[in-house]
Amino acid sequence: MDVPHTGNTQVKGRGRRGLPRDRGGRCLYGCLNAEVSDYDVPAGIDILRVFCGPDGLHGNALGVVRDGRRHPGRAARQELARRLGFSETVFVDDPERGRLDIYTPGLRLPFAGHPVVGAAWLLDLEVLELEVGDVFARHDGEFTWITARPEWVPPRTLEQYASAAEVDALPAPPPGEGWLYAWAWEEEAAGRVRARAFPRRDDGIAEDEATGAAALLLSARLGRALNITQGRGSQILTAPAPDGTVEIGGRVVLTHHG
């Protein structure tokens, strides 16, 4: 796969009001689900964008609570994740061992792709501890990779469309119920895919900008490495292994240091 290099895209010092916006309230970084709340981000919470495009833009916004002990109990964590409004918020319960706890605005998850990739980048660790087991990570230039198993991912519909234009034309969200990953080949021989993701779970997230877990499932189903363009321009790379695991990788940018 042809992967362009963009160098260091880390951004720091963006104030305490979540991600920066223009006067119309739109996220300046092009994140579909970044500006979902006017809640002031408390101290101790970093905001990342995970699976950024080759230009360093886009990516899925992620809240990282660096000291999870300050928010004990699932109810308190769920409320904070709801108020932050990101597609996922991850609580770091042990930064040295990489013990993580992941929440959407409406439920707790045993595993999710972009929170684990983001945490691996931020904590600079090679092993992270999740409820599903140990997740191995590696750092390769501007990309951070994790190795995961398809059985860790909750079921979701992977629906193939005839063209990337059909995927682009879908409303957000399309009619129906349940998690939908809509995809089409852009260039099948090269493993290039166009995709969009719709949780459809009534938690305020109409469309997920970049979904590592769904990319993992698609790569496992097709049995091949993929270069996925999702959302407004996010990029996810995948590489299945003979043992049934799949590596998922992408770029990470820090947009707010709490």
C-alpha atoms as a PDB file:
ATOM      1  CA  MET A   1       0.000   0.000   0.000  1.00  0.00           C
ATOM      2  CA  ASP A   2       1.211   3.478  -0.857  1.00  0.00           C
ATOM      3  CA  VAL A   3       1.399   5.362   2.444  1.00  0.00           C
ATOM      4  CA  PRO A   4       2.511   9.009   2.242  1.00  0.00           C
ATOM      5  CA  HIS A   5       4.665  10.508   4.957  1.00  0.00           C
ATOM      6  CA  THR A   6       3.686  13.822   6.503  1.00  0.00           C
ATOM      7  CA  GLY A   7       6.172  14.154   9.338  1.00  0.00           C
ATOM      8  CA  ASN A   8       5.286  15.247  12.844  1.00  0.00           C
ATOM      9  CA  THR A   9       1.703  16.528  13.049  1.00  0.00           C
ATOM     10  CA  GLN A  10       1.393  16.918  16.807  1.00  0.00           C
ATOM     11  CA  VAL A  11      -0.517  20.010  17.923  1.00  0.00           C
ATOM     12  CA  LYS A  12      -0.548  21.348  21.467  1.00  0.00           C
ATOM     13  CA  GLY A  13      -2.160  24.100  23.475  1.00  0.00           C
ATOM     14  CA  ARG A  14      -5.729  24.502  22.230  1.00  0.00           C
ATOM     15  CA  GLY A  15      -7.374  25.892  25.375  1.00  0.00           C
ATOM     16  CA  ARG A  16      -9.999  24.234  27.578  1.00  0.00           C
ATOM     17  CA  ARG A  17     -13.037  24.350  25.289  1.00  0.00           C
ATOM     18  CA  GLY A  18     -12.665  20.998  23.512  1.00  0.00           C
ATOM     19  CA  LEU A  19     -11.576  21.164  19.878  1.00  0.00           C
ATOM     20  CA  PRO A  20     -11.204  24.525  18.104  1.00  0.00           C
ATOM     21  CA  ARG A  21     -14.085  25.667  15.883  1.00  0.00           C
ATOM     22  CA  ASP A  22     -14.824  28.315  13.325  1.00  0.00           C
ATOM     23  CA  ARG A  23     -17.511  30.967  13.812  1.00  0.00           C
ATOM     24  CA  GLY A  24     -20.121  28.590  12.460  1.00  0.00           C
ATOM     25  CA  GLY A  25     -19.326  26.021  15.146  1.00  0.00           C
ATOM     26  CA  ARG A  26     -17.588  23.607  12.777  1.00  0.00           C
ATOM     27  CA  CYS A  27     -14.536  21.680  13.899  1.00  0.00           C
ATOM     28  CA  LEU A  28     -11.440  23.260  12.389  1.00  0.00           C
ATOM     29  CA  TYR A  29      -9.873  19.803  12.072  1.00  0.00           C
ATOM     30  CA  GLY A  30     -12.746  18.307  10.068  1.00  0.00           C
ATOM     31  CA  CYS A  31     -13.843  15.778  12.691  1.00  0.00           C
ATOM     32  CA  LEU A  32     -17.408  14.563  12.124  1.00  0.00           C
ATOM     33  CA  ASN A  33     -18.070  13.924  15.790  1.00  0.00           C
ATOM     34  CA  ALA A  34     -15.809  16.457  17.500  1.00  0.00           C
ATOM     35  CA  GLU A  35     -18.059  19.377  18.357  1.00  0.00           C
ATOM     36  CA  VAL A  36     -20.848  17.437  20.010  1.00  0.00           C
ATOM     37  CA  SER A  37     -20.884  19.281  23.338  1.00  0.00           C
ATOM     38  CA  ASP A  38     -20.269  22.714  24.861  1.00  0.00           C
ATOM     39  CA  TYR A  39     -19.104  21.030  28.072  1.00  0.00           C
ATOM     40  CA  ASP A  40     -15.834  22.486  29.390  1.00  0.00           C
ATOM     41  CA  VAL A  41     -13.168  19.810  29.295  1.00  0.00           C
ATOM     42  CA  PRO A  42     -11.897  19.252  32.854  1.00  0.00           C
ATOM     43  CA  ALA A  43      -8.195  19.302  33.697  1.00  0.00           C
ATOM     44  CA  GLY A  44      -6.419  15.992  33.226  1.00  0.00           C
ATOM     45  CA  ILE A  45      -8.165  15.088  29.970  1.00  0.00           C
ATOM     46  CA  ASP A  46      -6.294  15.051  26.668  1.00  0.00           C
ATOM     47  CA  ILE A  47      -8.074  15.170  23.326  1.00  0.00           C
ATOM     48  CA  LEU A  48      -6.617  13.262  20.392  1.00  0.00           C
ATOM     49  CA  ARG A  49      -7.607  12.703  16.794  1.00  0.00           C
ATOM     50  CA  VAL A  50      -6.989   9.108  15.763  1.00  0.00           C
ATOM     51  CA  PHE A  51      -6.640   7.768  12.190  1.00  0.00           C
ATOM     52  CA  CYS A  52      -5.843  11.164  10.688  1.00  0.00           C
ATOM     53  CA  GLY A  53      -5.512  11.506   6.924  1.00  0.00           C
ATOM     54  CA  PRO A  54      -2.227  11.941   5.039  1.00  0.00           C
ATOM     55  CA  ASP A  55      -2.569  15.717   5.422  1.00  0.00           C
ATOM     56  CA  GLY A  56      -2.812  15.403   9.216  1.00  0.00           C
ATOM     57  CA  LEU A  57      -6.479  16.433   9.210  1.00  0.00           C
ATOM     58  CA  HIS A  58      -9.674  14.603  10.167  1.00  0.00           C
ATOM     59  CA  GLY A  59      -9.398  11.555  12.434  1.00  0.00           C
ATOM     60  CA  ASN A  60     -11.823  10.495  15.157  1.00  0.00           C
ATOM     61  CA  ALA A  61     -11.836  12.648  18.293  1.00  0.00           C
ATOM     62  CA  LEU A  62     -10.945  10.784  21.501  1.00  0.00           C
ATOM     63  CA  GLY A  63     -11.024  11.916  25.103  1.00  0.00           C
ATOM     64  CA  VAL A  64      -8.262  10.400  27.249  1.00  0.00           C
ATOM     65  CA  VAL A  65      -8.630  10.664  31.027  1.00  0.00           C
ATOM     66  CA  ARG A  66      -5.010  10.293  32.053  1.00  0.00           C
ATOM     67  CA  ASP A  67      -5.751   9.439  35.706  1.00  0.00           C
ATOM     68  CA  GLY A  68      -8.827   7.249  35.805  1.00  0.00           C
ATOM     69  CA  ARG A  69      -8.666   7.062  39.587  1.00  0.00           C
ATOM     70  CA  ARG A  70     -10.064  10.597  39.720  1.00  0.00           C
ATOM     71  CA  HIS A  71     -13.306   9.230  38.274  1.00  0.00           C
ATOM     72  CA  PRO A  72     -14.033   6.011  40.186  1.00  0.00           C
ATOM     73  CA  GLY A  73     -17.075   3.905  39.396  1.00  0.00           C
ATOM     74  CA  ARG A  74     -18.780   3.087  36.139  1.00  0.00           C
ATOM     75  CA  ALA A  75     -21.665   5.498  36.693  1.00  0.00           C
ATOM     76  CA  ALA A  76     -19.338   8.484  37.107  1.00  0.00           C
ATOM     77  CA  ARG A  77     -17.306   7.480  34.069  1.00  0.00           C
ATOM     78  CA  GLN A  78     -20.394   6.978  31.955  1.00  0.00           C
ATOM     79  CA  GLU A  79     -21.661  10.423  32.916  1.00  0.00           C
ATOM     80  CA  LEU A  80     -18.344  12.059  32.029  1.00  0.00           C
ATOM     81  CA  ALA A  81     -18.270  10.256  28.662  1.00  0.00           C
ATOM     82  CA  ARG A  82     -21.825  11.415  28.001  1.00  0.00           C
ATOM     83  CA  ARG A  83     -20.985  15.027  28.829  1.00  0.00           C
ATOM     84  CA  LEU A  84     -17.816  15.021  26.737  1.00  0.00           C
ATOM     85  CA  GLY A  85     -19.801  13.592  23.821  1.00  0.00           C
ATOM     86  CA  PHE A  86     -16.981  11.957  21.870  1.00  0.00           C
ATOM     87  CA  SER A  87     -17.669   8.660  20.154  1.00  0.00           C
ATOM     88  CA  GLU A  88     -15.397   7.149  22.823  1.00  0.00           C
ATOM     89  CA  THR A  89     -13.656   8.309  25.972  1.00  0.00           C
ATOM     90  CA  VAL A  90     -10.917   6.148  27.487  1.00  0.00           C
ATOM     91  CA  PHE A  91      -9.922   6.118  31.160  1.00  0.00           C
ATOM     92  CA  VAL A  92      -6.313   5.200  31.958  1.00  0.00           C
ATOM     93  CA  ASP A  93      -6.385   3.250  35.218  1.00  0.00           C
ATOM     94  CA  ASP A  94      -2.668   2.401  35.189  1.00  0.00           C
ATOM     95  CA  PRO A  95      -0.432   4.401  32.821  1.00  0.00           C
ATOM     96  CA  GLU A  96       2.573   2.117  33.313  1.00  0.00           C
ATOM     97  CA  ARG A  97       0.697  -1.116  32.578  1.00  0.00           C
ATOM     98  CA  GLY A  98      -1.648   0.482  30.054  1.00  0.00           C
ATOM     99  CA  ARG A  99      -4.841  -0.577  31.797  1.00  0.00           C
ATOM    100  CA  LEU A 100      -7.767   1.014  29.945  1.00  0.00           C
ATOM    101  CA  ASP A 101     -11.532   1.398  30.414  1.00  0.00           C
ATOM    102  CA  ILE A 102     -13.563   2.570  27.375  1.00  0.00           C
ATOM    103  CA  TYR A 103     -16.950   4.321  27.198  1.00  0.00           C
ATOM    104  CA  THR A 104     -19.189   5.692  24.464  1.00  0.00           C
ATOM    105  CA  PRO A 105     -21.716   8.391  25.462  1.00  0.00           C
ATOM    106  CA  GLY A 106     -24.169   5.606  26.264  1.00  0.00           C
ATOM    107  CA  LEU A 107     -22.340   2.390  27.163  1.00  0.00           C
ATOM    108  CA  ARG A 108     -19.109   0.746  28.254  1.00  0.00           C
ATOM    109  CA  LEU A 109     -17.074  -1.240  25.706  1.00  0.00           C
ATOM    110  CA  PRO A 110     -14.633  -4.103  26.374  1.00  0.00           C
ATOM    111  CA  PHE A 111     -12.687  -3.093  23.243  1.00  0.00           C
ATOM    112  CA  ALA A 112     -12.689  -0.390  20.570  1.00  0.00           C
ATOM    113  CA  GLY A 113     -10.122   0.395  17.903  1.00  0.00           C
ATOM    114  CA  HIS A 114      -9.481   4.121  17.920  1.00  0.00           C
ATOM    115  CA  PRO A 115      -9.314   4.478  21.748  1.00  0.00           C
ATOM    116  CA  VAL A 116      -6.648   1.762  21.972  1.00  0.00           C
ATOM    117  CA  VAL A 117      -4.591   3.130  19.077  1.00  0.00           C
ATOM    118  CA  GLY A 118      -4.808   6.612  20.593  1.00  0.00           C
ATOM    119  CA  ALA A 119      -3.859   5.443  24.082  1.00  0.00           C
ATOM    120  CA  ALA A 120      -0.951   3.382  22.740  1.00  0.00           C
ATOM    121  CA  TRP A 121       0.390   6.500  20.997  1.00  0.00           C
ATOM    122  CA  LEU A 122      -0.124   8.799  23.974  1.00  0.00           C
ATOM    123  CA  LEU A 123       1.286   6.419  26.594  1.00  0.00           C
ATOM    124  CA  ASP A 124       4.034   5.119  24.270  1.00  0.00           C
ATOM    125  CA  LEU A 125       3.460   1.523  25.360  1.00  0.00           C
ATOM    126  CA  GLU A 126       3.867  -1.814  23.614  1.00  0.00           C
ATOM    127  CA  VAL A 127       1.228  -3.686  25.647  1.00  0.00           C
ATOM    128  CA  LEU A 128      -2.141  -2.416  26.874  1.00  0.00           C
ATOM    129  CA  GLU A 129      -4.473  -4.178  29.300  1.00  0.00           C
ATOM    130  CA  LEU A 130      -8.162  -4.386  28.424  1.00  0.00           C
ATOM    131  CA  GLU A 131     -11.056  -6.484  29.610  1.00  0.00           C
ATOM    132  CA  VAL A 132     -10.666  -8.693  26.524  1.00  0.00           C
ATOM    133  CA  GLY A 133      -6.968  -9.320  27.263  1.00  0.00           C
ATOM    134  CA  ASP A 134      -3.594  -7.854  26.403  1.00  0.00           C
ATOM    135  CA  VAL A 135      -3.371  -5.772  23.244  1.00  0.00           C
ATOM    136  CA  PHE A 136       0.041  -5.451  21.622  1.00  0.00           C
ATOM    137  CA  ALA A 137       1.078  -2.159  20.027  1.00  0.00           C
ATOM    138  CA  ARG A 138       3.971  -0.962  17.916  1.00  0.00           C
ATOM    139  CA  HIS A 139       5.102   2.377  16.544  1.00  0.00           C
ATOM    140  CA  ASP A 140       6.345   2.617  12.969  1.00  0.00           C
ATOM    141  CA  GLY A 141       7.264   6.141  11.929  1.00  0.00           C
ATOM    142  CA  GLU A 142       4.146   8.279  11.919  1.00  0.00           C
ATOM    143  CA  PHE A 143       1.858   5.246  12.381  1.00  0.00           C
ATOM    144  CA  THR A 144       0.754   3.499  15.571  1.00  0.00           C
ATOM    145  CA  TRP A 145      -0.465  -0.085  15.226  1.00  0.00           C
ATOM    146  CA  ILE A 146      -2.336  -2.452  17.526  1.00  0.00           C
ATOM    147  CA  THR A 147      -3.025  -6.173  17.119  1.00  0.00           C
ATOM    148  CA  ALA A 148      -6.560  -7.315  17.915  1.00  0.00           C
ATOM    149  CA  ARG A 149      -8.966 -10.189  17.363  1.00  0.00           C
ATOM    150  CA  PRO A 150     -12.247  -9.980  15.431  1.00  0.00           C
ATOM    151  CA  GLU A 151     -14.095 -11.791  18.231  1.00  0.00           C
ATOM    152  CA  TRP A 152     -13.425  -8.816  20.520  1.00  0.00           C
ATOM    153  CA  VAL A 153     -15.661  -6.623  18.372  1.00  0.00           C
ATOM    154  CA  PRO A 154     -19.454  -6.540  18.918  1.00  0.00           C
ATOM    155  CA  PRO A 155     -21.460  -7.652  15.872  1.00  0.00           C
ATOM    156  CA  ARG A 156     -22.147  -5.021  13.227  1.00  0.00           C
ATOM    157  CA  THR A 157     -23.358  -5.007   9.652  1.00  0.00           C
ATOM    158  CA  LEU A 158     -20.681  -4.647   6.957  1.00  0.00           C
ATOM    159  CA  GLU A 159     -22.606  -3.672   3.830  1.00  0.00           C
ATOM    160  CA  GLN A 160     -20.871  -3.443   0.484  1.00  0.00           C
ATOM    161  CA  TYR A 161     -22.028  -0.864  -2.069  1.00  0.00           C
ATOM    162  CA  ALA A 162     -21.379  -0.834  -5.792  1.00  0.00           C
ATOM    163  CA  SER A 163     -19.293   2.343  -5.774  1.00  0.00           C
ATOM    164  CA  ALA A 164     -17.647   4.896  -3.533  1.00  0.00           C
ATOM    165  CA  ALA A 165     -20.134   7.450  -4.878  1.00  0.00           C
ATOM    166  CA  GLU A 166     -23.012   5.412  -3.443  1.00  0.00           C
ATOM    167  CA  VAL A 167     -21.295   5.363  -0.042  1.00  0.00           C
ATOM    168  CA  ASP A 168     -20.741   9.115  -0.227  1.00  0.00           C
ATOM    169  CA  ALA A 169     -24.411   9.713  -1.064  1.00  0.00           C
ATOM    170  CA  LEU A 170     -25.751   7.990   2.056  1.00  0.00           C
ATOM    171  CA  PRO A 171     -27.577  10.188   4.598  1.00  0.00           C
ATOM    172  CA  ALA A 172     -26.213  10.323   8.150  1.00  0.00           C
ATOM    173  CA  PRO A 173     -27.504   8.053   9.436  1.00  0.00           C
ATOM    174  CA  PRO A 174     -29.225   5.884   6.821  1.00  0.00           C
ATOM    175  CA  PRO A 175     -32.642   4.442   7.747  1.00  0.00           C
ATOM    176  CA  GLY A 176     -32.572   1.286   9.801  1.00  0.00           C
ATOM    177  CA  GLU A 177     -31.330  -0.030  13.126  1.00  0.00           C
ATOM    178  CA  GLY A 178     -28.043  -1.366  14.382  1.00  0.00           C
ATOM    179  CA  TRP A 179     -24.394  -0.594  13.659  1.00  0.00           C
ATOM    180  CA  LEU A 180     -23.737  -0.143   9.918  1.00  0.00           C
ATOM    181  CA  TYR A 181     -20.343  -0.017   8.187  1.00  0.00           C
ATOM    182  CA  ALA A 182     -20.978   0.992   4.577  1.00  0.00           C
ATOM    183  CA  TRP A 183     -18.088   0.347   2.207  1.00  0.00           C
ATOM    184  CA  ALA A 184     -17.099   0.054  -1.432  1.00  0.00           C
ATOM    185  CA  TRP A 185     -13.954  -0.639  -3.384  1.00  0.00           C
ATOM    186  CA  GLU A 186     -12.109   2.402  -4.683  1.00  0.00           C
ATOM    187  CA  GLU A 187      -9.366   0.252  -6.178  1.00  0.00           C
ATOM    188  CA  GLU A 188      -9.773  -3.431  -5.368  1.00  0.00           C
ATOM    189  CA  ALA A 189      -6.415  -4.563  -6.727  1.00  0.00           C
ATOM    190  CA  ALA A 190      -4.640  -2.127  -4.404  1.00  0.00           C
ATOM    191  CA  GLY A 191      -6.891  -2.848  -1.413  1.00  0.00           C
ATOM    192  CA  ARG A 192      -8.231   0.723  -1.331  1.00  0.00           C
ATOM    193  CA  VAL A 193     -11.652   1.079   0.313  1.00  0.00           C
ATOM    194  CA  ARG A 194     -14.104   3.941   0.817  1.00  0.00           C
ATOM    195  CA  ALA A 195     -16.166   3.589   4.000  1.00  0.00           C
ATOM    196  CA  ARG A 196     -18.561   5.377   6.331  1.00  0.00           C
ATOM    197  CA  ALA A 197     -19.806   4.227   9.734  1.00  0.00           C
ATOM    198  CA  PHE A 198     -23.167   4.757  11.431  1.00  0.00           C
ATOM    199  CA  PRO A 199     -23.637   3.553  15.040  1.00  0.00           C
ATOM    200  CA  ARG A 200     -27.435   4.141  15.017  1.00  0.00           C
ATOM    201  CA  ARG A 201     -27.666   3.687  18.791  1.00  0.00           C
ATOM    202  CA  ASP A 202     -29.364   6.969  19.856  1.00  0.00           C
ATOM    203  CA  ASP A 203     -26.338   8.367  21.686  1.00  0.00           C
ATOM    204  CA  GLY A 204     -25.884  11.548  19.658  1.00  0.00           C
ATOM    205  CA  ILE A 205     -23.260  10.126  17.265  1.00  0.00           C
ATOM    206  CA  ALA A 206     -24.876  10.221  13.816  1.00  0.00           C
ATOM    207  CA  GLU A 207     -21.697   9.156  12.011  1.00  0.00           C
ATOM    208  CA  ASP A 208     -18.379   7.845  13.280  1.00  0.00           C
ATOM    209  CA  GLU A 209     -15.453   9.557  11.575  1.00  0.00           C
ATOM    210  CA  ALA A 210     -12.996   6.619  11.835  1.00  0.00           C
ATOM    211  CA  THR A 211     -13.799   3.157  13.192  1.00  0.00           C
ATOM    212  CA  GLY A 212     -10.894   0.830  13.863  1.00  0.00           C
ATOM    213  CA  ALA A 213     -13.022  -2.081  15.072  1.00  0.00           C
ATOM    214  CA  ALA A 214     -15.172  -2.115  11.942  1.00  0.00           C
ATOM    215  CA  ALA A 215     -12.061  -1.869   9.759  1.00  0.00           C
ATOM    216  CA  LEU A 216     -10.675  -4.869  11.647  1.00  0.00           C
ATOM    217  CA  LEU A 217     -13.828  -6.894  10.921  1.00  0.00           C
ATOM    218  CA  LEU A 218     -13.774  -5.973   7.241  1.00  0.00           C
ATOM    219  CA  SER A 219     -10.116  -6.892   6.878  1.00  0.00           C
ATOM    220  CA  ALA A 220     -10.741 -10.240   8.597  1.00  0.00           C
ATOM    221  CA  ARG A 221     -13.735 -10.967   6.361  1.00  0.00           C
ATOM    222  CA  LEU A 222     -11.878 -10.141   3.150  1.00  0.00           C
ATOM    223  CA  GLY A 223      -8.652 -11.780   4.332  1.00  0.00           C
ATOM    224  CA  ARG A 224      -6.406  -9.024   3.029  1.00  0.00           C
ATOM    225  CA  ALA A 225      -4.660  -5.797   3.946  1.00  0.00           C
ATOM    226  CA  LEU A 226      -6.717  -2.655   3.402  1.00  0.00           C
ATOM    227  CA  ASN A 227      -6.139   1.065   3.015  1.00  0.00           C
ATOM    228  CA  ILE A 228      -9.447   2.612   4.115  1.00  0.00           C
ATOM    229  CA  THR A 229     -10.567   6.195   3.617  1.00  0.00           C
ATOM    230  CA  GLN A 230     -13.422   6.824   6.039  1.00  0.00           C
ATOM    231  CA  GLY A 231     -15.603   9.807   6.887  1.00  0.00           C
ATOM    232  CA  ARG A 232     -14.346  13.158   5.651  1.00  0.00           C
ATOM    233  CA  GLY A 233     -10.825  11.947   4.983  1.00  0.00           C
ATOM    234  CA  SER A 234      -9.549   9.741   7.807  1.00  0.00           C
ATOM    235  CA  GLN A 235      -7.205   6.865   6.961  1.00  0.00           C
ATOM    236  CA  ILE A 236      -7.108   3.402   8.552  1.00  0.00           C
ATOM    237  CA  LEU A 237      -4.617   0.706   7.553  1.00  0.00           C
ATOM    238  CA  THR A 238      -5.166  -2.986   8.278  1.00  0.00           C
ATOM    239  CA  ALA A 239      -3.087  -6.149   7.948  1.00  0.00           C
ATOM    240  CA  PRO A 240      -4.506  -9.604   8.824  1.00  0.00           C
ATOM    241  CA  ALA A 241      -2.164 -12.275  10.166  1.00  0.00           C
ATOM    242  CA  PRO A 242      -2.224 -16.091   9.757  1.00  0.00           C
ATOM    243  CA  ASP A 243      -3.176 -16.571  13.434  1.00  0.00           C
ATOM    244  CA  GLY A 244      -6.500 -14.768  12.927  1.00  0.00           C
ATOM    245  CA  THR A 245      -5.444 -11.461  14.457  1.00  0.00           C
ATOM    246  CA  VAL A 246      -5.548  -8.191  12.540  1.00  0.00           C
ATOM    247  CA  GLU A 247      -3.272  -5.190  12.871  1.00  0.00           C
ATOM    248  CA  ILE A 248      -4.947  -1.796  12.569  1.00  0.00           C
ATOM    249  CA  GLY A 249      -2.896   1.363  12.329  1.00  0.00           C
ATOM    250  CA  GLY A 250      -3.044   5.074  11.744  1.00  0.00           C
ATOM    251  CA  ARG A 251      -1.778   8.521  12.601  1.00  0.00           C
ATOM    252  CA  VAL A 252      -2.568  10.234  15.908  1.00  0.00           C
ATOM    253  CA  VAL A 253      -2.562  13.960  16.679  1.00  0.00           C
ATOM    254  CA  LEU A 254      -2.816  15.654  20.094  1.00  0.00           C
ATOM    255  CA  THR A 255      -5.189  18.628  19.844  1.00  0.00           C
ATOM    256  CA  HIS A 256      -5.723  19.473  23.530  1.00  0.00           C
ATOM    257  CA  HIS A 257      -3.515  18.783  26.553  1.00  0.00           C
ATOM    258  CA  GLY A 258      -5.609  19.013  29.706  1.00  0.00           C
END
